[in-house]
Protein backbone atom coordinates (compact mmCIF):
# COMPACT_ATOMS: atom_id res chain seq x y z
CA PRO A 1 104.73 -101.46 -41.37
CA PRO A 2 103.30 -97.88 -41.24
CA PRO A 3 103.81 -96.41 -44.57
CA ALA A 4 106.92 -94.09 -44.99
CA GLN A 5 106.13 -90.51 -44.00
CA PRO A 6 107.22 -87.82 -46.88
CA THR A 7 110.66 -86.10 -46.02
CA PRO A 8 109.75 -82.83 -44.85
CA PRO A 9 111.27 -79.80 -47.13
CA PRO A 10 114.36 -78.16 -45.94
CA ALA A 11 113.98 -75.08 -43.79
CA PRO A 12 114.26 -71.91 -45.74
CA PRO A 13 117.64 -70.57 -45.37
CA ALA A 14 118.02 -67.69 -42.73
CA PRO A 15 118.08 -64.06 -43.99
CA PRO A 16 121.24 -62.30 -44.21
CA PRO A 17 121.61 -60.27 -40.71
CA ASP A 18 121.08 -56.61 -40.35
CA ALA A 19 123.43 -55.82 -37.64
CA ASP A 20 122.48 -52.21 -37.65
CA ALA A 21 118.75 -52.59 -38.06
CA ASP A 22 118.32 -50.32 -40.65
CA GLY A 23 116.58 -52.35 -43.30
CA VAL A 24 119.55 -52.83 -45.63
CA LEU A 25 120.95 -56.36 -45.26
CA ASP A 26 124.63 -57.53 -44.35
CA ASP A 27 124.82 -59.29 -47.76
CA GLY A 28 127.19 -56.92 -49.32
CA THR A 29 124.60 -54.49 -49.64
CA ASP A 30 124.90 -52.65 -46.53
CA LYS A 31 128.37 -50.67 -47.05
CA CYS A 32 128.25 -49.55 -43.34
CA VAL A 33 127.36 -52.55 -41.18
CA ALA A 34 127.95 -50.69 -37.98
CA GLU A 35 125.75 -47.35 -38.73
CA LYS A 36 122.28 -46.90 -39.58
CA GLU A 37 121.22 -45.65 -43.16
CA ASP A 38 119.64 -42.10 -43.05
CA GLY A 39 117.65 -42.27 -46.49
CA LEU A 40 119.37 -39.28 -47.54
CA PRO A 41 121.14 -38.78 -51.05
CA PRO A 42 123.28 -39.47 -53.09
CA ASP A 43 122.50 -43.22 -52.09
CA ALA A 44 119.66 -43.61 -50.02
CA LYS A 45 119.96 -47.52 -50.00
CA ASP A 46 123.64 -48.09 -49.05
CA GLY A 47 123.39 -48.53 -45.54
CA CYS A 48 125.55 -45.48 -44.94
CA LYS A 49 124.97 -42.01 -43.29
CA SER A 50 125.39 -39.18 -45.82
CA VAL A 51 128.24 -37.01 -44.87
CA ASP A 52 127.25 -33.08 -44.37
CA PRO A 53 130.46 -31.72 -42.79
CA ASP A 54 129.01 -28.09 -42.23
CA GLY A 55 125.47 -29.37 -40.99
CA ASP A 56 123.61 -27.47 -43.49
CA GLY A 57 121.34 -30.15 -44.82
CA PHE A 58 123.48 -30.56 -48.21
CA VAL A 59 125.47 -33.67 -48.20
CA ALA A 60 128.77 -33.11 -49.13
CA GLU A 61 128.44 -34.82 -52.85
CA ALA A 62 125.41 -32.06 -53.42
CA ASP A 63 127.03 -29.01 -51.23
CA LYS A 64 128.94 -26.59 -53.55
CA CYS A 65 130.74 -25.42 -50.35
CA PRO A 66 130.89 -28.38 -48.00
CA ALA A 67 132.93 -26.57 -45.36
CA GLU A 68 130.66 -23.51 -45.15
CA ALA A 69 126.85 -23.62 -44.22
CA GLU A 70 124.28 -22.55 -46.61
CA VAL A 71 122.58 -19.01 -45.30
CA LYS A 72 118.86 -19.25 -45.87
CA ASN A 73 117.80 -16.03 -47.32
CA ASN A 74 115.68 -16.70 -50.39
CA TYR A 75 118.67 -16.22 -52.64
CA LYS A 76 120.35 -19.28 -54.16
CA ASP A 77 119.18 -21.47 -51.11
CA ASP A 78 119.83 -24.66 -52.98
CA ASP A 79 123.58 -24.39 -53.37
CA GLY A 80 124.79 -25.04 -49.75
CA CYS A 81 126.76 -21.87 -50.01
CA PRO A 82 126.64 -18.80 -47.66
CA ASP A 83 125.77 -16.10 -50.01
CA VAL A 84 125.29 -12.12 -49.66
CA PRO A 85 121.45 -11.60 -50.73
CA ARG A 86 120.68 -9.36 -53.56
CA VAL A 87 118.98 -6.92 -51.37
CA GLU A 88 119.24 -6.44 -47.43
CA LEU A 89 118.23 -3.90 -44.85
CA ALA A 90 120.92 -2.10 -43.36
CA ASN A 91 121.58 1.45 -41.99
CA ASN A 92 118.39 2.90 -43.01
CA GLU A 93 119.03 1.79 -46.34
CA VAL A 94 117.55 -1.06 -48.74
CA LYS A 95 120.80 -1.86 -49.60
CA LEU A 96 121.28 -3.47 -53.06
CA ASN A 97 124.18 -5.93 -53.41
CA GLU A 98 123.58 -6.13 -57.12
CA LYS A 99 123.36 -3.38 -59.47
CA ILE A 100 119.93 -2.25 -61.34
CA ALA A 101 121.28 -2.53 -65.09
CA PHE A 102 120.05 0.12 -67.54
CA THR A 103 120.43 0.59 -71.30
CA ALA A 104 123.51 2.73 -71.94
CA GLY A 105 122.72 6.45 -71.94
CA LYS A 106 119.21 5.73 -71.44
CA ALA A 107 116.47 5.07 -68.65
CA ASP A 108 115.51 1.64 -69.88
CA ILE A 109 116.03 -0.99 -67.26
CA GLU A 110 117.58 -4.26 -68.49
CA PRO A 111 115.45 -7.60 -68.45
CA ALA A 112 118.29 -9.08 -66.34
CA SER A 113 117.46 -6.94 -63.50
CA GLN A 114 113.77 -7.71 -63.33
CA GLU A 115 114.39 -10.56 -60.79
CA LEU A 116 116.31 -7.79 -58.49
CA LEU A 117 113.41 -5.24 -58.80
CA ALA A 118 110.83 -8.21 -57.52
CA ASN A 119 113.26 -8.82 -54.63
CA ILE A 120 113.55 -4.97 -53.78
CA ALA A 121 109.49 -4.98 -54.12
CA GLN A 122 109.14 -7.96 -51.69
CA ILE A 123 111.58 -6.35 -49.32
CA LEU A 124 109.29 -3.31 -49.09
CA LYS A 125 105.90 -5.33 -49.25
CA ASP A 126 107.26 -7.39 -46.48
CA ASN A 127 108.19 -4.37 -44.34
CA PRO A 128 105.61 -2.02 -44.08
CA GLN A 129 107.25 -0.25 -41.16
CA ILE A 130 109.42 1.11 -44.03
CA GLN A 131 106.80 3.97 -44.83
CA PHE A 132 108.73 6.28 -47.21
CA VAL A 133 112.04 6.07 -49.36
CA GLU A 134 114.01 7.87 -51.60
CA VAL A 135 115.17 5.87 -54.69
CA ALA A 136 118.11 7.98 -56.09
CA ALA A 137 120.02 7.32 -59.36
CA TYR A 138 123.63 8.32 -59.83
CA SER A 139 126.30 8.48 -62.75
CA GLU A 140 129.73 8.59 -63.67
CA LYS A 141 131.04 12.08 -64.98
CA VAL A 142 130.04 12.03 -68.50
CA GLY A 143 128.82 14.88 -70.92
CA ASN A 144 127.43 18.09 -69.01
CA ASP A 145 125.92 18.17 -65.73
CA ALA A 146 122.42 19.08 -66.73
CA ALA A 147 121.78 15.95 -69.05
CA THR A 148 123.40 13.72 -66.52
CA VAL A 149 121.18 14.87 -63.77
CA THR A 150 118.08 14.27 -66.41
CA LEU A 151 119.25 10.90 -67.18
CA THR A 152 119.47 9.81 -63.66
CA LYS A 153 116.15 11.56 -62.79
CA LYS A 154 114.49 9.33 -65.51
CA ARG A 155 116.34 6.09 -64.11
CA ALA A 156 115.20 6.60 -60.73
CA ASP A 157 111.66 7.31 -62.12
CA ALA A 158 111.92 4.00 -63.92
CA VAL A 159 112.72 2.20 -61.00
CA VAL A 160 109.74 3.63 -58.86
CA LYS A 161 107.54 2.94 -61.78
CA ALA A 162 108.70 -0.70 -61.80
CA LEU A 163 108.32 -1.02 -58.10
CA THR A 164 104.58 0.37 -57.91
CA GLY A 165 103.86 -2.07 -60.86
CA LEU A 166 105.01 -4.84 -58.54
CA GLY A 167 102.84 -3.85 -55.68
CA VAL A 168 104.53 -1.38 -53.58
CA GLU A 169 102.24 1.66 -52.96
CA LYS A 170 103.28 5.03 -54.77
CA ASN A 171 102.88 7.14 -51.62
CA ARG A 172 105.93 5.16 -50.11
CA LEU A 173 108.24 6.26 -52.93
CA ARG A 174 109.82 9.13 -54.53
CA SER A 175 112.83 9.38 -57.15
CA ALA A 176 115.80 11.61 -57.44
CA GLY A 177 118.38 12.17 -59.69
CA TYR A 178 121.96 13.65 -58.64
CA GLY A 179 123.80 13.14 -61.86
CA ALA A 180 127.69 12.66 -61.35
CA HIS A 181 127.78 15.01 -58.18
CA CYS A 182 127.97 12.23 -55.63
CA ALA A 183 130.72 9.96 -56.73
CA SER A 184 131.38 6.87 -54.85
CA ASP A 185 134.76 6.64 -56.40
CA ALA A 186 136.64 9.56 -57.57
CA GLY A 187 138.91 7.35 -60.15
CA GLU A 188 138.75 7.52 -63.67
CA THR A 189 139.03 3.94 -64.43
CA GLU A 190 136.09 1.81 -65.93
CA GLU A 191 135.97 0.24 -62.37
CA ALA A 192 135.56 3.62 -60.88
CA LYS A 193 132.80 4.58 -63.39
CA GLU A 194 130.88 1.36 -62.80
CA LYS A 195 130.45 2.03 -59.23
CA ASN A 196 129.39 5.54 -59.67
CA ARG A 197 126.52 4.10 -61.85
CA ARG A 198 124.21 3.14 -59.40
CA VAL A 199 120.88 3.39 -57.45
CA GLU A 200 120.44 3.72 -53.81
CA ILE A 201 117.35 3.55 -51.81
CA LYS A 202 117.35 5.36 -48.49
CA ILE A 203 114.83 5.02 -45.87
CA MET A 204 113.40 8.32 -44.91
CA ARG A 205 110.77 7.05 -42.56
CA LEU A 206 110.60 4.17 -40.45
CA GLU A 207 108.02 3.31 -37.76
CA GLY A 208 106.19 6.62 -38.06
CA LYS A 209 109.51 8.52 -37.41
CA ASP A 210 111.91 10.39 -39.81
CA THR A 211 115.05 8.77 -39.87
CA GLY A 212 117.40 11.52 -40.80
CA VAL A 213 119.14 9.42 -43.15
CA GLU A 214 121.85 11.22 -45.22
CA LEU A 215 120.53 11.90 -48.70
CA ALA A 216 122.64 13.37 -51.88
CA CYS A 217 125.72 14.86 -50.91
CA ALA A 218 127.38 18.34 -50.47
CA ALA A 219 128.44 18.79 -54.14
CA ALA A 220 124.83 18.00 -55.09
CA ILE A 221 123.01 20.49 -52.71
CA THR A 222 125.64 23.31 -53.81
CA LYS A 223 124.21 22.85 -57.43
CA GLY A 224 120.74 23.04 -56.25
CA LEU A 225 119.75 19.54 -55.90
CA LYS A 226 118.77 19.72 -52.19
CA PRO A 227 116.64 16.96 -51.13
CA ALA A 228 113.05 17.67 -49.64
CA GLY A 229 111.74 16.18 -46.35
CA VAL A 230 109.18 13.73 -46.37
CA PRO A 231 106.14 14.70 -48.01
CA ALA A 232 102.71 15.24 -46.26
CA THR A 233 101.29 12.47 -48.62
CA ALA A 234 103.63 9.93 -47.20
CA PRO A 235 101.99 7.20 -44.82
């Protein structure tokens, strides 16, 4: 009789199915067998789509504001939340939504404001059509008028110096100090005083035309602090 043939090895077991063809097998690994894995965090291998309720690209687990979409504006763009930028252009003004902080009673800019200054400089460099601005500093009512005007002028000078150091052309900037003559809040509370300690950057020339933007205030002008026009040296 012919020699007995060896018994063939058993066929390998069939791989677990992958009903949604996402590469994650239906062996208990795929937690969502009816939908494809999208490869996004927090778990890129669980076989499920990550949930992004507001559609801003941040999945819910990593989104600090899952019901509100992130606003991409180069300011806190990694938290998934809408936000107001530190600096924006509005109504012929380089509007500051964060204060430039100075040492109390001095014109020294606090280190915490360096990033804000860099943001201001970047906006001016990115928008050469803004040809001339006035950097004006204001204060709450404290001490005598002359000293307050001097302090605010020095603070505005310090901001201009910082901006030129960050690459903004000097002939696009001028400084002004209006003391306490142009209060934005007439109250006497600490909150009112804080509002009155501020820097404003007004756009005086835009795309070759003077904007006519309002500078200072009637009270400052009455005290001899009338703003000049755009100088001949401006772009």
